[in-house]
Protein backbone atom coordinates (compact mmCIF):
# COMPACT_ATOMS: atom_id res chain seq x y z
CA MET A 1 45.57 24.14 -15.40
CA PHE A 2 45.05 27.36 -13.42
CA LEU A 3 42.89 28.82 -16.18
CA SER A 4 40.88 25.59 -16.36
CA ARG A 5 40.28 25.63 -12.60
CA ILE A 6 39.10 29.25 -12.62
CA LEU A 7 36.81 28.59 -15.56
CA ALA A 8 35.42 25.42 -13.96
CA THR A 9 34.66 27.37 -10.78
CA TYR A 10 32.92 30.10 -12.75
CA ILE A 11 30.83 27.63 -14.75
CA SER A 12 30.03 25.60 -11.63
CA ARG A 13 28.80 28.69 -9.78
CA LEU A 14 26.59 29.71 -12.70
CA PHE A 15 25.32 26.14 -13.02
CA MET A 16 24.47 25.85 -9.31
CA LEU A 17 22.66 29.19 -9.22
CA SER A 18 20.59 28.20 -12.25
CA VAL A 19 19.74 24.78 -10.80
CA ILE A 20 18.75 26.20 -7.40
CA ALA A 21 16.58 28.86 -9.06
CA MET A 22 14.94 26.24 -11.27
CA LEU A 23 14.46 23.91 -8.30
CA GLY A 24 12.68 26.67 -6.40
CA ALA A 25 10.46 27.52 -9.37
CA LEU A 26 9.52 23.89 -10.07
CA THR A 27 8.90 23.17 -6.38
CA GLY A 28 6.59 26.16 -6.14
CA LEU A 29 4.70 25.08 -9.26
CA VAL A 30 4.32 21.46 -8.16
CA SER A 31 3.32 22.48 -4.63
CA LEU A 32 0.73 24.88 -6.02
CA PHE A 33 -0.94 22.13 -8.04
CA ASP A 34 -0.73 19.78 -5.06
CA PHE A 35 -2.32 22.42 -2.83
CA LEU A 36 -5.15 22.97 -5.32
CA GLU A 37 -5.80 19.21 -5.49
CA LEU A 38 -5.88 18.94 -1.68
CA LEU A 39 -8.16 21.98 -1.53
CA ARG A 40 -10.55 20.33 -4.00
CA ARG A 41 -10.64 17.11 -1.97
CA SER A 42 -11.23 19.03 1.27
CA ALA A 43 -14.31 20.81 -0.13
CA THR A 44 -16.59 17.97 1.02
CA ARG A 45 -14.78 17.44 4.33
CA PRO A 46 -15.92 19.94 6.99
CA ASP A 47 -13.14 18.88 9.39
CA ALA A 48 -10.40 19.74 6.87
CA SER A 49 -9.78 23.46 7.36
CA PHE A 50 -7.86 25.74 5.05
CA GLY A 51 -4.93 25.81 7.47
CA LEU A 52 -4.82 22.01 7.54
CA VAL A 53 -4.67 21.90 3.73
CA VAL A 54 -1.81 24.41 3.74
CA GLU A 55 -0.01 22.32 6.36
CA MET A 56 -0.33 19.14 4.29
CA ALA A 57 0.94 20.93 1.17
CA LEU A 58 3.95 22.26 3.08
CA LEU A 59 4.69 18.85 4.59
CA ARG A 60 4.78 17.31 1.11
CA MET A 61 7.13 19.97 -0.27
CA PRO A 62 10.45 18.22 0.67
CA TRP A 63 9.19 15.05 -1.04
CA ALA A 64 8.44 17.12 -4.16
CA ILE A 65 11.96 18.61 -4.03
CA LEU A 66 13.49 15.14 -4.02
CA GLU A 67 11.29 13.94 -6.88
CA ILE A 68 11.91 16.91 -9.22
CA LEU A 69 15.62 17.34 -8.42
CA PRO A 70 16.82 15.61 -11.64
CA PHE A 71 14.56 17.82 -13.77
CA ALA A 72 15.75 20.93 -11.97
CA VAL A 73 19.31 19.88 -12.82
CA LEU A 74 18.31 19.35 -16.45
CA LEU A 75 16.42 22.63 -16.94
CA GLY A 76 18.83 24.66 -14.83
CA GLY A 77 21.77 23.19 -16.74
CA ILE A 78 20.16 23.95 -20.09
CA TRP A 79 19.60 27.56 -19.02
CA ALA A 80 23.17 27.96 -17.71
CA PHE A 81 24.91 26.38 -20.72
CA TRP A 82 22.68 28.25 -23.17
CA ARG A 83 23.67 31.56 -21.56
CA LEU A 84 27.34 30.60 -21.82
CA ALA A 85 26.94 29.58 -25.46
CA ARG A 86 25.02 32.74 -26.35
CA SER A 87 27.73 34.96 -24.85
CA SER A 88 30.42 32.90 -26.72
CA GLU A 89 32.21 32.15 -23.45
CA LEU A 90 32.30 28.46 -24.26
CA VAL A 91 33.65 29.25 -27.73
CA VAL A 92 36.52 31.21 -26.19
CA ALA A 93 37.22 28.42 -23.71
CA ARG A 94 37.36 25.78 -26.42
CA ALA A 95 39.50 28.06 -28.61
CA ALA A 96 41.96 28.28 -25.70
CA GLY A 97 42.47 24.52 -25.94
CA LEU A 98 40.07 23.30 -23.28
CA SER A 99 37.84 20.36 -24.06
CA ALA A 100 34.19 20.26 -23.08
CA PHE A 101 34.91 17.53 -20.54
CA GLN A 102 37.41 19.76 -18.72
CA PHE A 103 35.04 22.61 -17.92
CA LEU A 104 32.12 20.22 -17.39
CA LEU A 105 33.80 18.43 -14.50
CA GLY A 106 32.67 21.15 -12.09
CA PRO A 107 28.95 21.00 -13.06
CA ILE A 108 29.06 17.18 -13.06
CA PHE A 109 30.47 17.06 -9.52
CA CYS A 110 27.97 19.73 -8.41
CA ALA A 111 25.04 17.73 -9.82
CA PHE A 112 26.38 14.52 -8.26
CA GLY A 113 26.80 16.32 -4.93
CA LEU A 114 23.24 17.60 -5.09
CA GLY A 115 22.06 14.03 -5.62
CA VAL A 116 24.10 12.77 -2.66
CA PHE A 117 22.79 15.59 -0.46
CA GLY A 118 19.24 14.76 -1.52
CA VAL A 119 19.69 11.08 -0.62
CA VAL A 120 21.49 11.40 2.72
CA ALA A 121 19.97 14.66 4.04
CA VAL A 122 16.73 15.52 2.26
CA SER A 123 15.42 11.95 2.15
CA PRO A 124 15.07 11.52 5.96
CA VAL A 125 13.31 14.88 6.28
CA SER A 126 11.04 14.29 3.29
CA ALA A 127 10.12 10.78 4.50
CA MET A 128 9.25 12.00 8.00
CA LEU A 129 7.15 14.93 6.74
CA PHE A 130 5.58 12.84 3.96
CA ALA A 131 4.47 10.26 6.55
CA LYS A 132 2.90 13.02 8.65
CA ALA A 133 1.16 14.43 5.58
CA ASN A 134 -0.15 10.97 4.70
CA ALA A 135 -1.45 10.49 8.25
CA LEU A 136 -3.30 13.82 8.09
CA GLU A 137 -4.61 13.01 4.63
CA GLU A 138 -5.88 9.59 5.68
CA THR A 139 -7.46 11.01 8.83
CA PHE A 140 -9.22 14.06 7.35
CA LEU A 141 -9.56 13.40 3.61
CA ASP A 142 -9.82 9.63 3.17
CA ALA A 143 -12.57 7.38 4.38
CA GLY A 144 -10.18 4.72 5.71
CA GLY A 145 -8.79 6.75 8.55
CA GLY A 146 -5.25 5.39 8.34
CA PRO A 147 -3.30 3.34 10.87
CA LEU A 148 -4.45 5.38 13.85
CA ALA A 149 -8.03 4.36 13.06
CA LEU A 150 -7.11 0.91 14.39
CA ASN A 151 -8.15 2.18 17.81
CA GLY A 152 -10.94 -0.12 18.91
CA GLY A 153 -10.64 -2.14 15.69
CA GLN A 154 -8.81 -5.21 14.49
CA LEU A 155 -5.19 -5.74 13.58
CA TRP A 156 -3.56 -8.37 11.39
CA LEU A 157 0.23 -8.64 11.45
CA ARG A 158 2.82 -11.06 10.21
CA GLN A 159 6.32 -11.28 11.65
CA GLY A 160 9.26 -13.62 11.77
CA ASP A 161 9.02 -16.21 14.55
CA GLU A 162 12.07 -15.44 16.66
CA THR A 163 11.47 -18.49 18.87
CA ARG A 164 12.31 -20.92 16.04
CA GLN A 165 15.89 -21.56 15.00
CA HIS A 166 15.03 -22.76 11.51
CA GLY A 167 12.72 -19.97 10.43
CA GLY A 168 8.97 -19.72 10.45
CA VAL A 169 6.45 -16.94 10.84
CA ALA A 170 3.91 -15.81 13.39
CA ILE A 171 0.56 -14.47 12.19
CA ILE A 172 -1.10 -12.21 14.75
CA HIS A 173 -4.77 -11.25 14.91
CA ALA A 174 -5.94 -8.89 17.66
CA ASN A 175 -9.23 -7.22 18.57
CA GLY A 176 -9.82 -4.08 20.58
CA VAL A 177 -6.60 -2.39 19.48
CA LYS A 178 -5.77 0.81 21.33
CA MET A 179 -2.87 3.17 20.88
CA SER A 180 -2.19 5.77 23.55
CA ASN A 181 1.03 7.72 24.11
CA LYS A 182 2.84 5.48 21.63
CA VAL A 183 1.84 2.37 23.63
CA LEU A 184 -0.12 -0.29 21.74
CA THR A 185 -2.43 -2.57 23.70
CA THR A 186 -4.99 -5.07 22.46
CA GLY A 187 -7.90 -7.11 23.67
CA PRO A 188 -8.13 -10.80 22.79
CA MET A 189 -5.21 -11.87 20.59
CA THR A 190 -4.59 -15.00 18.55
CA VAL A 191 -1.12 -15.98 17.37
CA PHE A 192 -0.68 -18.66 14.70
CA ARG A 193 2.90 -19.97 14.60
CA ILE A 194 3.81 -21.63 11.32
CA GLY A 195 7.02 -23.53 10.63
CA SER A 196 9.32 -23.29 7.64
CA ASN A 197 7.45 -26.22 6.03
CA ASP A 198 4.23 -24.13 6.03
CA LYS A 199 2.63 -26.35 8.70
CA MET A 200 1.07 -24.85 11.82
CA ILE A 201 3.09 -25.61 14.95
CA ASP A 202 0.73 -24.21 17.59
CA ARG A 203 -1.78 -21.48 18.36
CA ILE A 204 -1.75 -19.03 21.24
CA GLU A 205 -4.95 -17.53 22.60
CA ALA A 206 -4.44 -14.55 24.93
CA GLN A 207 -7.00 -12.37 26.70
CA SER A 208 -4.91 -9.21 26.18
CA ALA A 209 -1.51 -8.13 24.94
CA ARG A 210 0.84 -5.19 25.09
CA LEU A 211 3.68 -4.32 22.74
CA THR A 212 6.96 -3.53 24.52
CA PRO A 213 10.42 -2.98 23.03
CA GLY A 214 11.41 -6.40 21.72
CA ASP A 215 8.39 -8.42 22.95
CA TRP A 216 4.66 -8.94 22.88
CA LEU A 217 3.54 -9.45 26.48
CA LEU A 218 0.57 -11.82 26.45
CA ALA A 219 -1.72 -12.05 29.49
CA ASP A 220 -3.79 -15.17 30.37
CA ALA A 221 -2.43 -16.97 27.32
CA ARG A 222 -3.14 -20.61 26.45
CA VAL A 223 -0.95 -22.58 24.01
CA LEU A 224 -2.90 -24.98 21.81
CA ILE A 225 -0.80 -27.72 20.17
CA PRO A 226 -2.48 -30.20 17.80
CA GLY A 227 -3.12 -33.51 19.59
CA GLN A 228 -2.35 -32.13 23.07
CA VAL A 229 -4.31 -30.66 25.95
CA PRO A 230 -4.25 -26.81 26.05
CA THR A 231 -1.93 -25.36 28.64
CA ALA A 232 -3.16 -23.46 31.68
CA PRO A 233 -3.53 -19.66 31.35
CA GLN A 234 -0.21 -17.98 31.92
CA SER A 235 1.77 -14.89 30.98
CA LEU A 236 3.88 -15.33 27.86
CA SER A 237 6.46 -13.27 26.04
CA LEU A 238 6.63 -13.42 22.24
CA PRO A 239 9.86 -11.91 20.82
CA THR A 240 9.35 -9.43 18.00
CA GLU A 241 11.27 -6.86 15.97
CA LEU A 242 8.13 -4.75 15.57
CA ASN A 243 7.42 -1.52 17.36
CA VAL A 244 4.70 1.11 17.09
CA ASN A 245 6.53 3.08 14.42
CA ARG A 246 7.18 0.00 12.29
CA ILE A 247 3.55 -1.09 12.57
CA GLN A 248 2.50 2.35 11.36
CA GLN A 249 5.11 2.23 8.60
CA SER A 250 3.77 -1.12 7.42
CA PHE A 251 0.68 0.77 6.28
CA ALA A 252 2.73 3.51 4.59
CA ALA A 253 4.14 3.79 1.10
CA PRO A 254 7.89 3.26 0.51
CA ASP A 255 8.16 7.03 -0.06
CA ALA A 256 7.39 7.51 3.64
CA LEU A 257 10.62 5.68 4.58
CA SER A 258 13.99 7.39 4.43
CA PHE A 259 17.12 6.08 2.76
CA TRP A 260 18.51 5.07 6.16
CA GLN A 261 15.33 3.25 7.28
CA LEU A 262 14.76 1.20 4.15
CA PRO A 263 17.46 -1.50 4.59
CA GLY A 264 16.26 -2.47 8.08
CA PHE A 265 12.63 -2.39 7.07
CA ILE A 266 13.37 -4.55 4.01
CA ARG A 267 15.10 -7.09 6.25
CA ILE A 268 12.07 -7.24 8.58
CA LEU A 269 9.68 -7.70 5.65
CA GLN A 270 11.83 -10.51 4.27
CA LYS A 271 11.86 -12.32 7.61
CA ALA A 272 8.08 -11.97 7.80
CA GLY A 273 7.67 -13.40 4.31
CA PHE A 274 6.25 -10.26 2.67
CA SER A 275 7.18 -8.96 -0.75
CA THR A 276 9.94 -6.32 -0.62
CA VAL A 277 9.98 -5.38 -4.31
CA ALA A 278 8.52 -1.89 -3.86
CA HIS A 279 10.86 -1.05 -0.96
CA ARG A 280 13.95 -2.44 -2.68
CA LEU A 281 13.05 -0.51 -5.83
CA ARG A 282 12.72 2.70 -3.84
CA PHE A 283 16.08 2.06 -2.15
CA GLN A 284 17.84 1.41 -5.45
CA ALA A 285 16.20 4.47 -7.01
CA LEU A 286 17.60 6.62 -4.19
CA LEU A 287 21.02 5.06 -4.69
CA ALA A 288 20.84 5.90 -8.41
CA LEU A 289 19.73 9.50 -7.81
CA PRO A 290 23.27 11.03 -7.76
CA LEU A 291 24.14 9.30 -11.04
CA LEU A 292 20.83 10.45 -12.54
CA CYS A 293 21.52 14.06 -11.55
CA ALA A 294 25.03 13.90 -13.05
CA THR A 295 23.54 12.38 -16.20
CA MET A 296 21.01 15.21 -16.45
CA SER A 297 23.83 17.76 -16.30
CA LEU A 298 25.56 16.02 -19.22
CA VAL A 299 22.29 15.84 -21.18
CA ALA A 300 21.79 19.57 -20.59
CA ALA A 301 25.32 20.32 -21.82
CA GLY A 302 24.99 18.12 -24.89
CA PHE A 303 21.80 19.80 -26.05
CA SER A 304 22.58 23.44 -25.23
CA MET A 305 26.27 24.02 -25.97
CA GLN A 306 25.79 24.59 -29.69
CA THR A 307 26.88 28.07 -30.77
CA SER A 308 24.30 30.61 -31.88
CA ARG A 309 25.90 31.00 -35.31
CA ARG A 310 24.85 27.49 -36.28
CA GLY A 311 21.18 28.21 -35.64
CA GLY A 312 18.59 25.81 -34.34
CA ILE A 313 19.11 26.79 -30.70
CA ALA A 314 15.40 26.49 -29.91
CA ARG A 315 15.33 23.07 -31.53
CA MET A 316 18.36 21.93 -29.54
CA ILE A 317 16.95 23.17 -26.23
CA GLY A 318 13.59 21.61 -27.02
CA GLY A 319 15.38 18.36 -27.80
CA GLY A 320 17.09 18.50 -24.41
CA VAL A 321 13.81 19.06 -22.57
CA ALA A 322 12.13 16.30 -24.59
CA SER A 323 15.02 13.91 -23.87
CA GLY A 324 14.73 14.64 -20.15
CA PHE A 325 11.02 13.86 -20.09
CA ALA A 326 11.62 10.78 -22.25
CA LEU A 327 14.14 9.65 -19.65
CA PHE A 328 11.49 10.24 -16.97
CA MET A 329 8.97 8.12 -18.87
CA LEU A 330 11.58 5.40 -19.33
CA SER A 331 12.21 5.49 -15.58
CA GLN A 332 8.50 5.13 -14.83
CA VAL A 333 8.08 2.24 -17.28
CA ALA A 334 11.17 0.50 -15.88
CA GLN A 335 9.81 0.87 -12.34
CA GLN A 336 6.50 -0.66 -13.38
CA PHE A 337 8.35 -3.60 -14.93
CA GLY A 338 10.43 -3.88 -11.78
CA GLN A 339 7.38 -3.92 -9.48
CA SER A 340 5.73 -6.57 -11.64
CA GLY A 341 8.84 -8.77 -11.47
CA ALA A 342 9.50 -8.63 -15.22
CA LEU A 343 12.82 -6.85 -14.61
CA PRO A 344 15.31 -7.23 -11.75
CA VAL A 345 15.00 -4.43 -9.23
CA VAL A 346 18.58 -3.21 -9.73
CA LEU A 347 18.17 -3.08 -13.51
CA ALA A 348 14.83 -1.27 -13.27
CA ALA A 349 16.33 1.41 -10.99
CA TRP A 350 19.68 1.94 -12.73
CA ALA A 351 18.86 1.37 -16.43
CA PRO A 352 17.31 4.84 -17.09
CA ALA A 353 20.31 6.65 -15.61
CA ALA A 354 22.72 4.43 -17.57
CA ALA A 355 20.80 4.97 -20.81
CA GLY A 356 20.78 8.74 -20.31
CA LEU A 357 24.51 8.71 -19.52
CA MET A 358 25.32 6.93 -22.78
CA LEU A 359 23.13 9.37 -24.72
CA ALA A 360 24.82 12.38 -23.13
CA LEU A 361 28.34 11.04 -23.68
CA SER A 362 27.61 10.32 -27.35
CA LEU A 363 26.34 13.89 -27.85
CA LEU A 364 29.36 15.42 -26.14
CA LEU A 365 31.77 13.26 -28.15
CA HIS A 366 29.98 14.39 -31.29
CA LEU A 367 30.42 18.02 -30.26
CA GLU A 368 34.09 17.45 -29.48
CA ASP A 369 34.63 16.03 -32.97
CA GLY A 370 33.09 19.15 -34.49
């Protein structure tokens, strides 16, 4: 047991160093291509300076780290296990009576830990920086201008109607939207309140509105109920779970939301009646990331632990790389099926990792049987 623990520590250290080195190399390569693409798009935009392009590329780097982490585990694991097989260290360990699963426990836990760290620590940072990069990209590179371009424009929102006990939604349309110092104010605003039976209950016409924590404050508002005389202008308060950040996030991709923000945002979208498939798929994919990283470490071991005397090392390593990219393609196809509704969200997010795990276990069992 003591020998096994020492060997597991040695293999785990070599595995982690290889994965971190591969993660750095892949991140640099992906960021370089991303920087070149941003530089190409900024060529026709005089406001987008070279420094701004560099800033956007750097802001997107944590997101790239999170996306390529499983492949860094795969390639780094292949490199580490191939070095151990070439130096016959694994042969000596197995001749001493240790099974492959014994000295692979360390790398598996390391890969799983990297996945957990990526979800709970890297995800919030990558989401925050990715959202900033998207805002800069929409402002300086895209014609739309992004959420901040709503200044002086129109705004359509849909939220749950908190004033109704049996559900319902409120559809908000505002003109003259202004956002200053994180305070959102509007000009004339119309609120359509619709019941759970999809019938309109009433309409509110306000001359102006301001978003405060927990409420829309409507000034000079009239309530128009079918078959009744409109009420006199008065100040009204419309409860809401929206705030400035959530309104901006409603225009952002699910990648711009962290693991910790997604559950609350999904709940708000569900109450407002919007589709939550993309956000739930992103959340489940983040949950499956630790298992996917552990699976990649097993795939790397299964394809690179063959001894050099048997030959075909290049073919085995190539098979491991090809299997990893095949797993990536399977993940992308499953996500497309999940977004279209053809597959349940949980199945679309977890099936690739489960399929890779079964493949890796079958290869390792085959190696154990000789």
